[in-house]
Every structure is written in structure tokens, then in C-alpha cells.
C-alpha atoms as a PDB file:
ATOM      1  CA  MET A   1      15.447 -75.539 107.330  1.00  0.00           C
ATOM      2  CA  TYR A   2      13.279 -72.837 108.818  1.00  0.00           C
ATOM      3  CA  LEU A   3      15.142 -69.861 107.334  1.00  0.00           C
ATOM      4  CA  ASP A   4      16.249 -70.122 103.715  1.00  0.00           C
ATOM      5  CA  GLN A   5      17.503 -67.421 101.359  1.00  0.00           C
ATOM      6  CA  ALA A   6      14.033 -66.745  99.972  1.00  0.00           C
ATOM      7  CA  LYS A   7      12.596 -66.066 103.444  1.00  0.00           C
ATOM      8  CA  LYS A   8      15.526 -63.792 104.309  1.00  0.00           C
ATOM      9  CA  ALA A   9      15.074 -61.853 101.071  1.00  0.00           C
ATOM     10  CA  GLU A  10      11.366 -61.492 101.837  1.00  0.00           C
ATOM     11  CA  ILE A  11      12.100 -60.108 105.317  1.00  0.00           C
ATOM     12  CA  PHE A  12      14.746 -57.717 103.960  1.00  0.00           C
ATOM     13  CA  GLU A  13      12.429 -56.540 101.188  1.00  0.00           C
ATOM     14  CA  GLN A  14       9.547 -55.930 103.586  1.00  0.00           C
ATOM     15  CA  TYR A  15      11.479 -54.057 106.289  1.00  0.00           C
ATOM     16  CA  GLY A  16      14.596 -52.823 104.471  1.00  0.00           C
ATOM     17  CA  LYS A  17      14.983 -50.651 101.419  1.00  0.00           C
ATOM     18  CA  SER A  18      15.307 -53.603  99.018  1.00  0.00           C
ATOM     19  CA  ALA A  19      15.697 -57.379  98.988  1.00  0.00           C
ATOM     20  CA  THR A  20      19.479 -56.996  99.178  1.00  0.00           C
ATOM     21  CA  ASP A  21      19.442 -54.419 101.994  1.00  0.00           C
ATOM     22  CA  THR A  22      20.894 -56.575 104.755  1.00  0.00           C
ATOM     23  CA  GLY A  23      22.664 -53.855 106.700  1.00  0.00           C
ATOM     24  CA  SER A  24      19.913 -51.483 107.752  1.00  0.00           C
ATOM     25  CA  VAL A  25      18.856 -51.567 111.371  1.00  0.00           C
ATOM     26  CA  GLU A  26      15.231 -52.241 110.454  1.00  0.00           C
ATOM     27  CA  SER A  27      16.045 -55.319 108.396  1.00  0.00           C
ATOM     28  CA  GLN A  28      18.409 -56.704 111.050  1.00  0.00           C
ATOM     29  CA  VAL A  29      15.845 -56.223 113.825  1.00  0.00           C
ATOM     30  CA  ALA A  30      13.156 -57.864 111.684  1.00  0.00           C
ATOM     31  CA  LEU A  31      15.400 -60.856 111.022  1.00  0.00           C
ATOM     32  CA  PHE A  32      16.268 -61.155 114.719  1.00  0.00           C
ATOM     33  CA  SER A  33      12.562 -60.974 115.584  1.00  0.00           C
ATOM     34  CA  TYR A  34      11.763 -63.793 113.172  1.00  0.00           C
ATOM     35  CA  ARG A  35      14.561 -65.952 114.553  1.00  0.00           C
ATOM     36  CA  ILE A  36      13.578 -65.158 118.160  1.00  0.00           C
ATOM     37  CA  SER A  37       9.986 -66.231 117.552  1.00  0.00           C
ATOM     38  CA  HIS A  38      11.176 -69.470 115.963  1.00  0.00           C
ATOM     39  CA  LEU A  39      13.537 -70.263 118.862  1.00  0.00           C
ATOM     40  CA  THR A  40      10.821 -69.435 121.385  1.00  0.00           C
ATOM     41  CA  GLU A  41       8.538 -72.025 119.816  1.00  0.00           C
ATOM     42  CA  HIS A  42      11.399 -74.540 119.812  1.00  0.00           C
ATOM     43  CA  LEU A  43      12.070 -73.968 123.517  1.00  0.00           C
ATOM     44  CA  LYS A  44       8.405 -74.464 124.396  1.00  0.00           C
ATOM     45  CA  LYS A  45       8.737 -78.029 123.099  1.00  0.00           C
ATOM     46  CA  ASN A  46      12.349 -78.643 124.226  1.00  0.00           C
ATOM     47  CA  HIS A  47      12.712 -76.927 127.573  1.00  0.00           C
ATOM     48  CA  LYS A  48      15.976 -78.716 128.438  1.00  0.00           C
ATOM     49  CA  ASP A  49      17.834 -77.331 125.402  1.00  0.00           C
ATOM     50  CA  HIS A  50      20.112 -74.992 127.329  1.00  0.00           C
ATOM     51  CA  ALA A  51      22.372 -74.113 124.386  1.00  0.00           C
ATOM     52  CA  THR A  52      19.404 -72.796 122.416  1.00  0.00           C
ATOM     53  CA  ALA A  53      18.153 -70.932 125.479  1.00  0.00           C
ATOM     54  CA  ARG A  54      21.513 -69.184 125.732  1.00  0.00           C
ATOM     55  CA  SER A  55      21.472 -68.355 122.021  1.00  0.00           C
ATOM     56  CA  LEU A  56      17.975 -66.925 122.392  1.00  0.00           C
ATOM     57  CA  THR A  57      19.081 -64.739 125.290  1.00  0.00           C
ATOM     58  CA  MET A  58      22.043 -63.410 123.327  1.00  0.00           C
ATOM     59  CA  MET A  59      19.864 -62.753 120.276  1.00  0.00           C
ATOM     60  CA  VAL A  60      17.357 -60.784 122.356  1.00  0.00           C
ATOM     61  CA  GLY A  61      20.243 -58.712 123.706  1.00  0.00           C
ATOM     62  CA  ARG A  62      21.548 -57.977 120.215  1.00  0.00           C
ATOM     63  CA  ARG A  63      18.080 -56.932 119.059  1.00  0.00           C
ATOM     64  CA  ARG A  64      17.703 -54.700 122.111  1.00  0.00           C
ATOM     65  CA  LYS A  65      21.029 -52.988 121.376  1.00  0.00           C
ATOM     66  CA  LEU A  66      20.003 -52.333 117.774  1.00  0.00           C
ATOM     67  CA  LEU A  67      16.648 -50.938 118.903  1.00  0.00           C
ATOM     68  CA  LYS A  68      18.409 -48.684 121.410  1.00  0.00           C
ATOM     69  CA  TYR A  69      20.705 -47.423 118.645  1.00  0.00           C
ATOM     70  CA  LEU A  70      17.742 -46.708 116.383  1.00  0.00           C
ATOM     71  CA  ARG A  71      15.808 -44.988 119.184  1.00  0.00           C
ATOM     72  CA  GLU A  72      18.743 -42.656 119.859  1.00  0.00           C
ATOM     73  CA  ARG A  73      19.328 -41.858 116.168  1.00  0.00           C
ATOM     74  CA  ASP A  74      15.814 -41.579 114.718  1.00  0.00           C
ATOM     75  CA  ILE A  75      12.787 -41.899 116.992  1.00  0.00           C
ATOM     76  CA  GLU A  76      10.265 -41.907 114.127  1.00  0.00           C
ATOM     77  CA  ARG A  77      11.892 -44.907 112.397  1.00  0.00           C
ATOM     78  CA  TYR A  78      12.050 -46.622 115.788  1.00  0.00           C
ATOM     79  CA  ARG A  79       8.346 -46.101 116.466  1.00  0.00           C
ATOM     80  CA  ALA A  80       7.400 -47.268 112.976  1.00  0.00           C
ATOM     81  CA  LEU A  81       9.498 -50.426 113.347  1.00  0.00           C
ATOM     82  CA  ILE A  82       8.090 -51.252 116.780  1.00  0.00           C
ATOM     83  CA  LYS A  83       4.566 -50.859 115.442  1.00  0.00           C
ATOM     84  CA  ALA A  84       5.260 -52.913 112.307  1.00  0.00           C
ATOM     85  CA  LEU A  85       6.836 -55.788 114.236  1.00  0.00           C
ATOM     86  CA  GLY A  86       4.347 -55.667 117.095  1.00  0.00           C
ATOM     87  CA  LEU A  87       7.009 -55.350 119.779  1.00  0.00           C
ATOM     88  CA  ARG A  88       6.235 -53.915 123.171  1.00  0.00           C
ATOM     89  CA  LYS A  89       7.763 -50.548 124.048  1.00  0.00           C
END
């Protein structure tokens, strides 16, 4: 499996406050970004997988909503997260 508990804990520790910080916006966006990159690679090989394409689209939308929330609440945290993840904005 591409995403086990150890990888999740590593992502949460790097972008959240601790390894168990699963609720912060930064850790959720980082996890979505990891999953989006994995699904993008999958769809490059399996372009007819429409269910995964739909899941990817929904995941991108969820990440965008979280980023919009963070941008409205705290612009400095938003800018730091965008820079750390290498997202365009």
C-alpha cells in the first residue's frame, strides 16, 4: 500500500505540530497533496480509470477549500504552506 501509518505520521510530523496532529489545516493539505501526486501518477499509466479521475478531482477541490480557509484566516501560514509544498499560487 502506498500510504501506511508510518508515512502518514511522517507527513503530520513534518507539516503539523506533532505526529498525532491530524486536524490542522497544514497537515490535512499536506496529506491531500501527497495523495494527489500519487493519483496523478496512477492516472498517467491508467488513463481510462474514470473512478480514480473523479476521486482526484474531488480531492483537489477539498484541498482548494482548505487552502482558501487558511488564506482567509492566516495569510502568513498560507504562504509558508504553499512554499513548503511547492504549490502554485
